[in-house]
Amino acid sequence: AELTPASLGDSDQLAVGDWVYAVGNPMGYLRGSMSVG
């Protein structure tokens, strides 16, 4: 299967107030959920 590796960014460039997204698997079955903050 052809996999898509993540593009890793430079966390040193983050600053307070920057928009970020959390993508994961909340509750173990709500796969692919995204939250913003």
All heavy atoms as atom14 arrays in JSON, in Angstrom:
{
  "sequence": "AELTPASLGDSDQLAVGDWVYAVGNPMGYLRGSMSVG",
  "atom14_mask": [
    [1, 1, 1, 1, 1, 0, 0, 0, 0, 0, 0, 0, 0, 0],
    [1, 1, 1, 1, 1, 1, 1, 1, 1, 0, 0, 0, 0, 0],
    [1, 1, 1, 1, 1, 1, 1, 1, 0, 0, 0, 0, 0, 0],
    [1, 1, 1, 1, 1, 1, 1, 0, 0, 0, 0, 0, 0, 0],
    [1, 1, 1, 1, 1, 1, 1, 0, 0, 0, 0, 0, 0, 0],
    [1, 1, 1, 1, 1, 0, 0, 0, 0, 0, 0, 0, 0, 0],
    [1, 1, 1, 1, 1, 1, 0, 0, 0, 0, 0, 0, 0, 0],
    [1, 1, 1, 1, 1, 1, 1, 1, 0, 0, 0, 0, 0, 0],
    [1, 1, 1, 1, 0, 0, 0, 0, 0, 0, 0, 0, 0, 0],
    [1, 1, 1, 1, 1, 1, 1, 1, 0, 0, 0, 0, 0, 0],
    [1, 1, 1, 1, 1, 1, 0, 0, 0, 0, 0, 0, 0, 0],
    [1, 1, 1, 1, 1, 1, 1, 1, 0, 0, 0, 0, 0, 0],
    [1, 1, 1, 1, 1, 1, 1, 1, 1, 0, 0, 0, 0, 0],
    [1, 1, 1, 1, 1, 1, 1, 1, 0, 0, 0, 0, 0, 0],
    [1, 1, 1, 1, 1, 0, 0, 0, 0, 0, 0, 0, 0, 0],
    [1, 1, 1, 1, 1, 1, 1, 0, 0, 0, 0, 0, 0, 0],
    [1, 1, 1, 1, 0, 0, 0, 0, 0, 0, 0, 0, 0, 0],
    [1, 1, 1, 1, 1, 1, 1, 1, 0, 0, 0, 0, 0, 0],
    [1, 1, 1, 1, 1, 1, 1, 1, 1, 1, 1, 1, 1, 1],
    [1, 1, 1, 1, 1, 1, 1, 0, 0, 0, 0, 0, 0, 0],
    [1, 1, 1, 1, 1, 1, 1, 1, 1, 1, 1, 1, 0, 0],
    [1, 1, 1, 1, 1, 0, 0, 0, 0, 0, 0, 0, 0, 0],
    [1, 1, 1, 1, 1, 1, 1, 0, 0, 0, 0, 0, 0, 0],
    [1, 1, 1, 1, 0, 0, 0, 0, 0, 0, 0, 0, 0, 0],
    [1, 1, 1, 1, 1, 1, 1, 1, 0, 0, 0, 0, 0, 0],
    [1, 1, 1, 1, 1, 1, 1, 0, 0, 0, 0, 0, 0, 0],
    [1, 1, 1, 1, 1, 1, 1, 1, 0, 0, 0, 0, 0, 0],
    [1, 1, 1, 1, 0, 0, 0, 0, 0, 0, 0, 0, 0, 0],
    [1, 1, 1, 1, 1, 1, 1, 1, 1, 1, 1, 1, 0, 0],
    [1, 1, 1, 1, 1, 1, 1, 1, 0, 0, 0, 0, 0, 0],
    [1, 1, 1, 1, 1, 1, 1, 1, 1, 1, 1, 0, 0, 0],
    [1, 1, 1, 1, 0, 0, 0, 0, 0, 0, 0, 0, 0, 0],
    [1, 1, 1, 1, 1, 1, 0, 0, 0, 0, 0, 0, 0, 0],
    [1, 1, 1, 1, 1, 1, 1, 1, 0, 0, 0, 0, 0, 0],
    [1, 1, 1, 1, 1, 1, 0, 0, 0, 0, 0, 0, 0, 0],
    [1, 1, 1, 1, 1, 1, 1, 0, 0, 0, 0, 0, 0, 0],
    [1, 1, 1, 1, 0, 0, 0, 0, 0, 0, 0, 0, 0, 0]
  ],
  "atom14_positions": [
    [[0.84, -1.2, 0.0], [0.0, 0.0, 0.0], [0.88, 1.25, 0.0], [1.94, 1.29, 0.64], [-0.92, 0.01, 1.22], [0.0, 0.0, 0.0], [0.0, 0.0, 0.0], [0.0, 0.0, 0.0], [0.0, 0.0, 0.0], [0.0, 0.0, 0.0], [0.0, 0.0, 0.0], [0.0, 0.0, 0.0], [0.0, 0.0, 0.0], [0.0, 0.0, 0.0]],
    [[0.47, 2.26, -0.7], [1.24, 3.51, -0.77], [0.86, 4.4, 0.41], [-0.3, 4.81, 0.54], [0.96, 4.23, -2.09], [1.83, 5.46, -2.3], [1.64, 6.09, -3.66], [0.97, 5.46, -4.51], [2.14, 7.21, -3.87], [0.0, 0.0, 0.0], [0.0, 0.0, 0.0], [0.0, 0.0, 0.0], [0.0, 0.0, 0.0], [0.0, 0.0, 0.0]],
    [[1.84, 4.68, 1.25], [1.6, 5.5, 2.44], [1.95, 6.95, 2.17], [2.76, 7.27, 1.29], [2.44, 4.98, 3.62], [2.21, 3.53, 4.03], [3.13, 3.17, 5.19], [0.75, 3.3, 4.41], [0.0, 0.0, 0.0], [0.0, 0.0, 0.0], [0.0, 0.0, 0.0], [0.0, 0.0, 0.0], [0.0, 0.0, 0.0], [0.0, 0.0, 0.0]],
    [[1.33, 7.84, 2.92], [1.6, 9.28, 2.82], [2.25, 9.74, 4.12], [1.57, 9.94, 5.13], [0.31, 10.08, 2.59], [-0.35, 9.58, 1.43], [0.6, 11.56, 2.43], [0.0, 0.0, 0.0], [0.0, 0.0, 0.0], [0.0, 0.0, 0.0], [0.0, 0.0, 0.0], [0.0, 0.0, 0.0], [0.0, 0.0, 0.0], [0.0, 0.0, 0.0]],
    [[3.58, 9.87, 4.15], [4.22, 10.33, 5.38], [3.87, 11.79, 5.67], [3.67, 12.59, 4.75], [5.72, 10.16, 5.09], [5.83, 10.18, 3.61], [4.56, 9.59, 3.08], [0.0, 0.0, 0.0], [0.0, 0.0, 0.0], [0.0, 0.0, 0.0], [0.0, 0.0, 0.0], [0.0, 0.0, 0.0], [0.0, 0.0, 0.0], [0.0, 0.0, 0.0]],
    [[3.8, 12.12, 6.95], [3.47, 13.48, 7.34], [4.62, 14.43, 7.01], [5.79, 14.06, 7.08], [3.18, 13.53, 8.85], [0.0, 0.0, 0.0], [0.0, 0.0, 0.0], [0.0, 0.0, 0.0], [0.0, 0.0, 0.0], [0.0, 0.0, 0.0], [0.0, 0.0, 0.0], [0.0, 0.0, 0.0], [0.0, 0.0, 0.0], [0.0, 0.0, 0.0]],
    [[4.27, 15.63, 6.67], [5.26, 16.69, 6.53], [5.49, 17.28, 7.92], [4.56, 17.77, 8.56], [4.75, 17.78, 5.57], [5.64, 18.89, 5.55], [0.0, 0.0, 0.0], [0.0, 0.0, 0.0], [0.0, 0.0, 0.0], [0.0, 0.0, 0.0], [0.0, 0.0, 0.0], [0.0, 0.0, 0.0], [0.0, 0.0, 0.0], [0.0, 0.0, 0.0]],
    [[6.72, 17.2, 8.4], [7.06, 17.68, 9.74], [7.49, 19.14, 9.67], [8.41, 19.49, 8.91], [8.16, 16.81, 10.35], [7.88, 15.3, 10.41], [9.04, 14.57, 11.07], [6.57, 15.02, 11.15], [0.0, 0.0, 0.0], [0.0, 0.0, 0.0], [0.0, 0.0, 0.0], [0.0, 0.0, 0.0], [0.0, 0.0, 0.0], [0.0, 0.0, 0.0]],
    [[6.84, 19.98, 10.44], [7.17, 21.4, 10.47], [8.14, 21.74, 11.57], [8.55, 20.88, 12.37], [0.0, 0.0, 0.0], [0.0, 0.0, 0.0], [0.0, 0.0, 0.0], [0.0, 0.0, 0.0], [0.0, 0.0, 0.0], [0.0, 0.0, 0.0], [0.0, 0.0, 0.0], [0.0, 0.0, 0.0], [0.0, 0.0, 0.0], [0.0, 0.0, 0.0]],
    [[8.53, 22.98, 11.65], [9.46, 23.47, 12.67], [8.65, 24.07, 13.81], [8.11, 25.17, 13.69], [10.39, 24.51, 12.04], [11.48, 24.96, 13.01], [11.48, 24.5, 14.17], [12.33, 25.78, 12.6], [0.0, 0.0, 0.0], [0.0, 0.0, 0.0], [0.0, 0.0, 0.0], [0.0, 0.0, 0.0], [0.0, 0.0, 0.0], [0.0, 0.0, 0.0]],
    [[8.58, 23.34, 14.92], [7.79, 23.83, 16.06], [8.43, 25.06, 16.69], [7.76, 25.78, 17.44], [7.61, 22.73, 17.1], [8.86, 22.19, 17.51], [0.0, 0.0, 0.0], [0.0, 0.0, 0.0], [0.0, 0.0, 0.0], [0.0, 0.0, 0.0], [0.0, 0.0, 0.0], [0.0, 0.0, 0.0], [0.0, 0.0, 0.0], [0.0, 0.0, 0.0]],
    [[9.7, 25.34, 16.41], [10.34, 26.55, 16.93], [9.7, 27.81, 16.36], [9.84, 28.89, 16.93], [11.83, 26.55, 16.6], [12.63, 25.58, 17.45], [12.05, 25.05, 18.41], [13.81, 25.33, 17.14], [0.0, 0.0, 0.0], [0.0, 0.0, 0.0], [0.0, 0.0, 0.0], [0.0, 0.0, 0.0], [0.0, 0.0, 0.0], [0.0, 0.0, 0.0]],
    [[9.03, 27.68, 15.22], [8.44, 28.84, 14.57], [7.05, 29.17, 15.12], [6.46, 30.17, 14.72], [8.35, 28.62, 13.06], [9.7, 28.39, 12.4], [10.67, 29.54, 12.67], [10.32, 30.7, 12.5], [11.88, 29.19, 13.1], [0.0, 0.0, 0.0], [0.0, 0.0, 0.0], [0.0, 0.0, 0.0], [0.0, 0.0, 0.0], [0.0, 0.0, 0.0]],
    [[6.53, 28.33, 16.01], [5.22, 28.61, 16.6], [5.3, 29.8, 17.55], [6.32, 30.02, 18.2], [4.7, 27.39, 17.36], [4.29, 26.17, 16.52], [3.9, 25.01, 17.45], [3.13, 26.51, 15.59], [0.0, 0.0, 0.0], [0.0, 0.0, 0.0], [0.0, 0.0, 0.0], [0.0, 0.0, 0.0], [0.0, 0.0, 0.0], [0.0, 0.0, 0.0]],
    [[4.21, 30.53, 17.64], [4.11, 31.65, 18.57], [2.74, 31.61, 19.22], [1.77, 31.07, 18.66], [4.33, 32.98, 17.85], [0.0, 0.0, 0.0], [0.0, 0.0, 0.0], [0.0, 0.0, 0.0], [0.0, 0.0, 0.0], [0.0, 0.0, 0.0], [0.0, 0.0, 0.0], [0.0, 0.0, 0.0], [0.0, 0.0, 0.0], [0.0, 0.0, 0.0]],
    [[2.66, 32.17, 20.4], [1.38, 32.22, 21.1], [0.38, 32.99, 20.24], [0.67, 34.08, 19.74], [1.54, 32.89, 22.47], [0.18, 33.1, 23.13], [2.44, 32.06, 23.37], [0.0, 0.0, 0.0], [0.0, 0.0, 0.0], [0.0, 0.0, 0.0], [0.0, 0.0, 0.0], [0.0, 0.0, 0.0], [0.0, 0.0, 0.0], [0.0, 0.0, 0.0]],
    [[-0.79, 32.4, 20.06], [-1.82, 33.0, 19.23], [-1.95, 32.35, 17.87], [-2.94, 32.6, 17.17], [0.0, 0.0, 0.0], [0.0, 0.0, 0.0], [0.0, 0.0, 0.0], [0.0, 0.0, 0.0], [0.0, 0.0, 0.0], [0.0, 0.0, 0.0], [0.0, 0.0, 0.0], [0.0, 0.0, 0.0], [0.0, 0.0, 0.0], [0.0, 0.0, 0.0]],
    [[-0.95, 31.54, 17.45], [-1.04, 30.86, 16.16], [-2.18, 29.84, 16.18], [-2.4, 29.14, 17.17], [0.27, 30.13, 15.84], [1.38, 31.08, 15.42], [1.09, 32.27, 15.22], [2.52, 30.61, 15.28], [0.0, 0.0, 0.0], [0.0, 0.0, 0.0], [0.0, 0.0, 0.0], [0.0, 0.0, 0.0], [0.0, 0.0, 0.0], [0.0, 0.0, 0.0]],
    [[-2.88, 29.73, 15.05], [-3.92, 28.72, 14.92], [-3.29, 27.35, 14.72], [-2.34, 27.2, 13.95], [-4.84, 29.04, 13.74], [-5.73, 30.22, 13.96], [-5.57, 31.47, 13.47], [-6.93, 30.25, 14.75], [-6.58, 32.29, 13.9], [-7.44, 31.57, 14.68], [-7.63, 29.29, 15.49], [-8.6, 31.95, 15.34], [-8.79, 29.67, 16.15], [-9.26, 30.99, 16.06]],
    [[-3.82, 26.35, 15.41], [-3.35, 24.97, 15.26], [-4.56, 24.03, 15.27], [-5.61, 24.35, 15.84], [-2.36, 24.56, 16.37], [-0.99, 25.19, 16.16], [-2.92, 24.93, 17.75], [0.0, 0.0, 0.0], [0.0, 0.0, 0.0], [0.0, 0.0, 0.0], [0.0, 0.0, 0.0], [0.0, 0.0, 0.0], [0.0, 0.0, 0.0], [0.0, 0.0, 0.0]],
    [[-4.38, 22.87, 14.64], [-5.43, 21.86, 14.56], [-4.93, 20.57, 15.23], [-3.76, 20.2, 15.08], [-5.8, 21.56, 13.11], [-6.14, 22.78, 12.3], [-5.21, 23.36, 11.44], [-7.4, 23.37, 12.38], [-5.52, 24.48, 10.69], [-7.72, 24.5, 11.63], [-6.77, 25.05, 10.79], [-7.08, 26.16, 10.06], [0.0, 0.0, 0.0], [0.0, 0.0, 0.0]],
    [[-5.82, 19.92, 15.96], [-5.52, 18.6, 16.54], [-6.36, 17.57, 15.8], [-7.59, 17.65, 15.8], [-5.84, 18.58, 18.03], [0.0, 0.0, 0.0], [0.0, 0.0, 0.0], [0.0, 0.0, 0.0], [0.0, 0.0, 0.0], [0.0, 0.0, 0.0], [0.0, 0.0, 0.0], [0.0, 0.0, 0.0], [0.0, 0.0, 0.0], [0.0, 0.0, 0.0]],
    [[-5.69, 16.62, 15.16], [-6.38, 15.59, 14.38], [-6.02, 14.24, 14.99], [-4.84, 13.95, 15.23], [-5.97, 15.62, 12.9], [-6.85, 14.68, 12.09], [-6.05, 17.04, 12.34], [0.0, 0.0, 0.0], [0.0, 0.0, 0.0], [0.0, 0.0, 0.0], [0.0, 0.0, 0.0], [0.0, 0.0, 0.0], [0.0, 0.0, 0.0], [0.0, 0.0, 0.0]],
    [[-7.04, 13.42, 15.26], [-6.77, 12.13, 15.88], [-7.97, 11.22, 15.94], [-8.85, 11.26, 15.06], [0.0, 0.0, 0.0], [0.0, 0.0, 0.0], [0.0, 0.0, 0.0], [0.0, 0.0, 0.0], [0.0, 0.0, 0.0], [0.0, 0.0, 0.0], [0.0, 0.0, 0.0], [0.0, 0.0, 0.0], [0.0, 0.0, 0.0], [0.0, 0.0, 0.0]],
    [[-8.03, 10.47, 17.02], [-8.95, 9.34, 17.14], [-9.68, 9.4, 18.48], [-9.6, 8.47, 19.28], [-8.11, 8.05, 17.03], [-8.94, 6.81, 16.97], [-10.09, 6.83, 16.54], [-8.37, 5.71, 17.43], [0.0, 0.0, 0.0], [0.0, 0.0, 0.0], [0.0, 0.0, 0.0], [0.0, 0.0, 0.0], [0.0, 0.0, 0.0], [0.0, 0.0, 0.0]],
    [[-10.38, 10.51, 18.8], [-10.99, 10.65, 20.12], [-12.0, 9.55, 20.41], [-12.73, 9.1, 19.52], [-11.65, 12.03, 20.08], [-11.84, 12.33, 18.63], [-10.69, 11.67, 17.93], [0.0, 0.0, 0.0], [0.0, 0.0, 0.0], [0.0, 0.0, 0.0], [0.0, 0.0, 0.0], [0.0, 0.0, 0.0], [0.0, 0.0, 0.0], [0.0, 0.0, 0.0]],
    [[-12.02, 9.14, 21.66], [-12.91, 8.1, 22.18], [-12.61, 6.72, 21.59], [-13.32, 5.76, 21.87], [-14.38, 8.46, 21.92], [-14.78, 9.82, 22.46], [-14.33, 10.05, 24.2], [-15.48, 8.94, 24.99], [0.0, 0.0, 0.0], [0.0, 0.0, 0.0], [0.0, 0.0, 0.0], [0.0, 0.0, 0.0], [0.0, 0.0, 0.0], [0.0, 0.0, 0.0]],
    [[-11.56, 6.6, 20.79], [-11.18, 5.31, 20.27], [-11.93, 4.87, 19.04], [-11.54, 3.91, 18.38], [0.0, 0.0, 0.0], [0.0, 0.0, 0.0], [0.0, 0.0, 0.0], [0.0, 0.0, 0.0], [0.0, 0.0, 0.0], [0.0, 0.0, 0.0], [0.0, 0.0, 0.0], [0.0, 0.0, 0.0], [0.0, 0.0, 0.0], [0.0, 0.0, 0.0]],
    [[-13.02, 5.56, 18.69], [-13.78, 5.14, 17.51], [-14.25, 6.32, 16.65], [-14.76, 6.12, 15.56], [-14.97, 4.28, 17.91], [-15.94, 4.94, 18.87], [-16.99, 5.73, 18.4], [-15.81, 4.77, 20.24], [-17.88, 6.33, 19.27], [-16.69, 5.38, 21.12], [-17.73, 6.14, 20.64], [-18.6, 6.74, 21.51], [0.0, 0.0, 0.0], [0.0, 0.0, 0.0]],
    [[-14.08, 7.55, 17.14], [-14.43, 8.72, 16.32], [-13.21, 9.09, 15.49], [-12.61, 10.16, 15.64], [-14.87, 9.87, 17.22], [-16.12, 9.59, 18.06], [-16.41, 10.77, 18.98], [-17.32, 9.29, 17.18], [0.0, 0.0, 0.0], [0.0, 0.0, 0.0], [0.0, 0.0, 0.0], [0.0, 0.0, 0.0], [0.0, 0.0, 0.0], [0.0, 0.0, 0.0]],
    [[-12.85, 8.19, 14.6], [-11.59, 8.29, 13.88], [-11.6, 9.48, 12.91], [-12.58, 9.74, 12.23], [-11.31, 7.0, 13.12], [-11.2, 5.78, 14.04], [-10.84, 4.53, 13.26], [-10.69, 3.39, 14.17], [-11.63, 2.48, 14.39], [-12.79, 2.58, 13.76], [-11.43, 1.49, 15.23], [0.0, 0.0, 0.0], [0.0, 0.0, 0.0], [0.0, 0.0, 0.0]],
    [[-10.46, 10.18, 12.88], [-10.31, 11.27, 11.94], [-10.96, 12.57, 12.37], [-11.22, 13.42, 11.52], [0.0, 0.0, 0.0], [0.0, 0.0, 0.0], [0.0, 0.0, 0.0], [0.0, 0.0, 0.0], [0.0, 0.0, 0.0], [0.0, 0.0, 0.0], [0.0, 0.0, 0.0], [0.0, 0.0, 0.0], [0.0, 0.0, 0.0], [0.0, 0.0, 0.0]],
    [[-11.2, 12.74, 13.67], [-11.82, 13.99, 14.14], [-10.78, 15.09, 14.26], [-9.63, 14.85, 14.62], [-12.48, 13.77, 15.51], [-13.53, 12.84, 15.41], [0.0, 0.0, 0.0], [0.0, 0.0, 0.0], [0.0, 0.0, 0.0], [0.0, 0.0, 0.0], [0.0, 0.0, 0.0], [0.0, 0.0, 0.0], [0.0, 0.0, 0.0], [0.0, 0.0, 0.0]],
    [[-11.19, 16.31, 13.96], [-10.3, 17.47, 14.04], [-10.9, 18.52, 14.96], [-12.1, 18.77, 14.93], [-10.04, 18.07, 12.65], [-9.08, 19.27, 12.69], [-8.6, 19.87, 11.04], [-10.04, 20.86, 10.61], [0.0, 0.0, 0.0], [0.0, 0.0, 0.0], [0.0, 0.0, 0.0], [0.0, 0.0, 0.0], [0.0, 0.0, 0.0], [0.0, 0.0, 0.0]],
    [[-10.06, 19.13, 15.79], [-10.48, 20.26, 16.61], [-9.54, 21.42, 16.34], [-8.39, 21.24, 15.94], [-10.47, 19.9, 18.11], [-9.17, 19.56, 18.55], [0.0, 0.0, 0.0], [0.0, 0.0, 0.0], [0.0, 0.0, 0.0], [0.0, 0.0, 0.0], [0.0, 0.0, 0.0], [0.0, 0.0, 0.0], [0.0, 0.0, 0.0], [0.0, 0.0, 0.0]],
    [[-10.03, 22.62, 16.56], [-9.25, 23.82, 16.26], [-9.01, 24.61, 17.53], [-9.82, 24.6, 18.46], [-9.99, 24.69, 15.21], [-11.31, 25.2, 15.77], [-9.12, 25.87, 14.76], [0.0, 0.0, 0.0], [0.0, 0.0, 0.0], [0.0, 0.0, 0.0], [0.0, 0.0, 0.0], [0.0, 0.0, 0.0], [0.0, 0.0, 0.0], [0.0, 0.0, 0.0]],
    [[-7.87, 25.28, 17.58], [-7.54, 26.11, 18.73], [-6.35, 26.99, 18.41], [-5.97, 27.15, 17.24], [0.0, 0.0, 0.0], [0.0, 0.0, 0.0], [0.0, 0.0, 0.0], [0.0, 0.0, 0.0], [0.0, 0.0, 0.0], [0.0, 0.0, 0.0], [0.0, 0.0, 0.0], [0.0, 0.0, 0.0], [0.0, 0.0, 0.0], [0.0, 0.0, 0.0]]
  ]
}
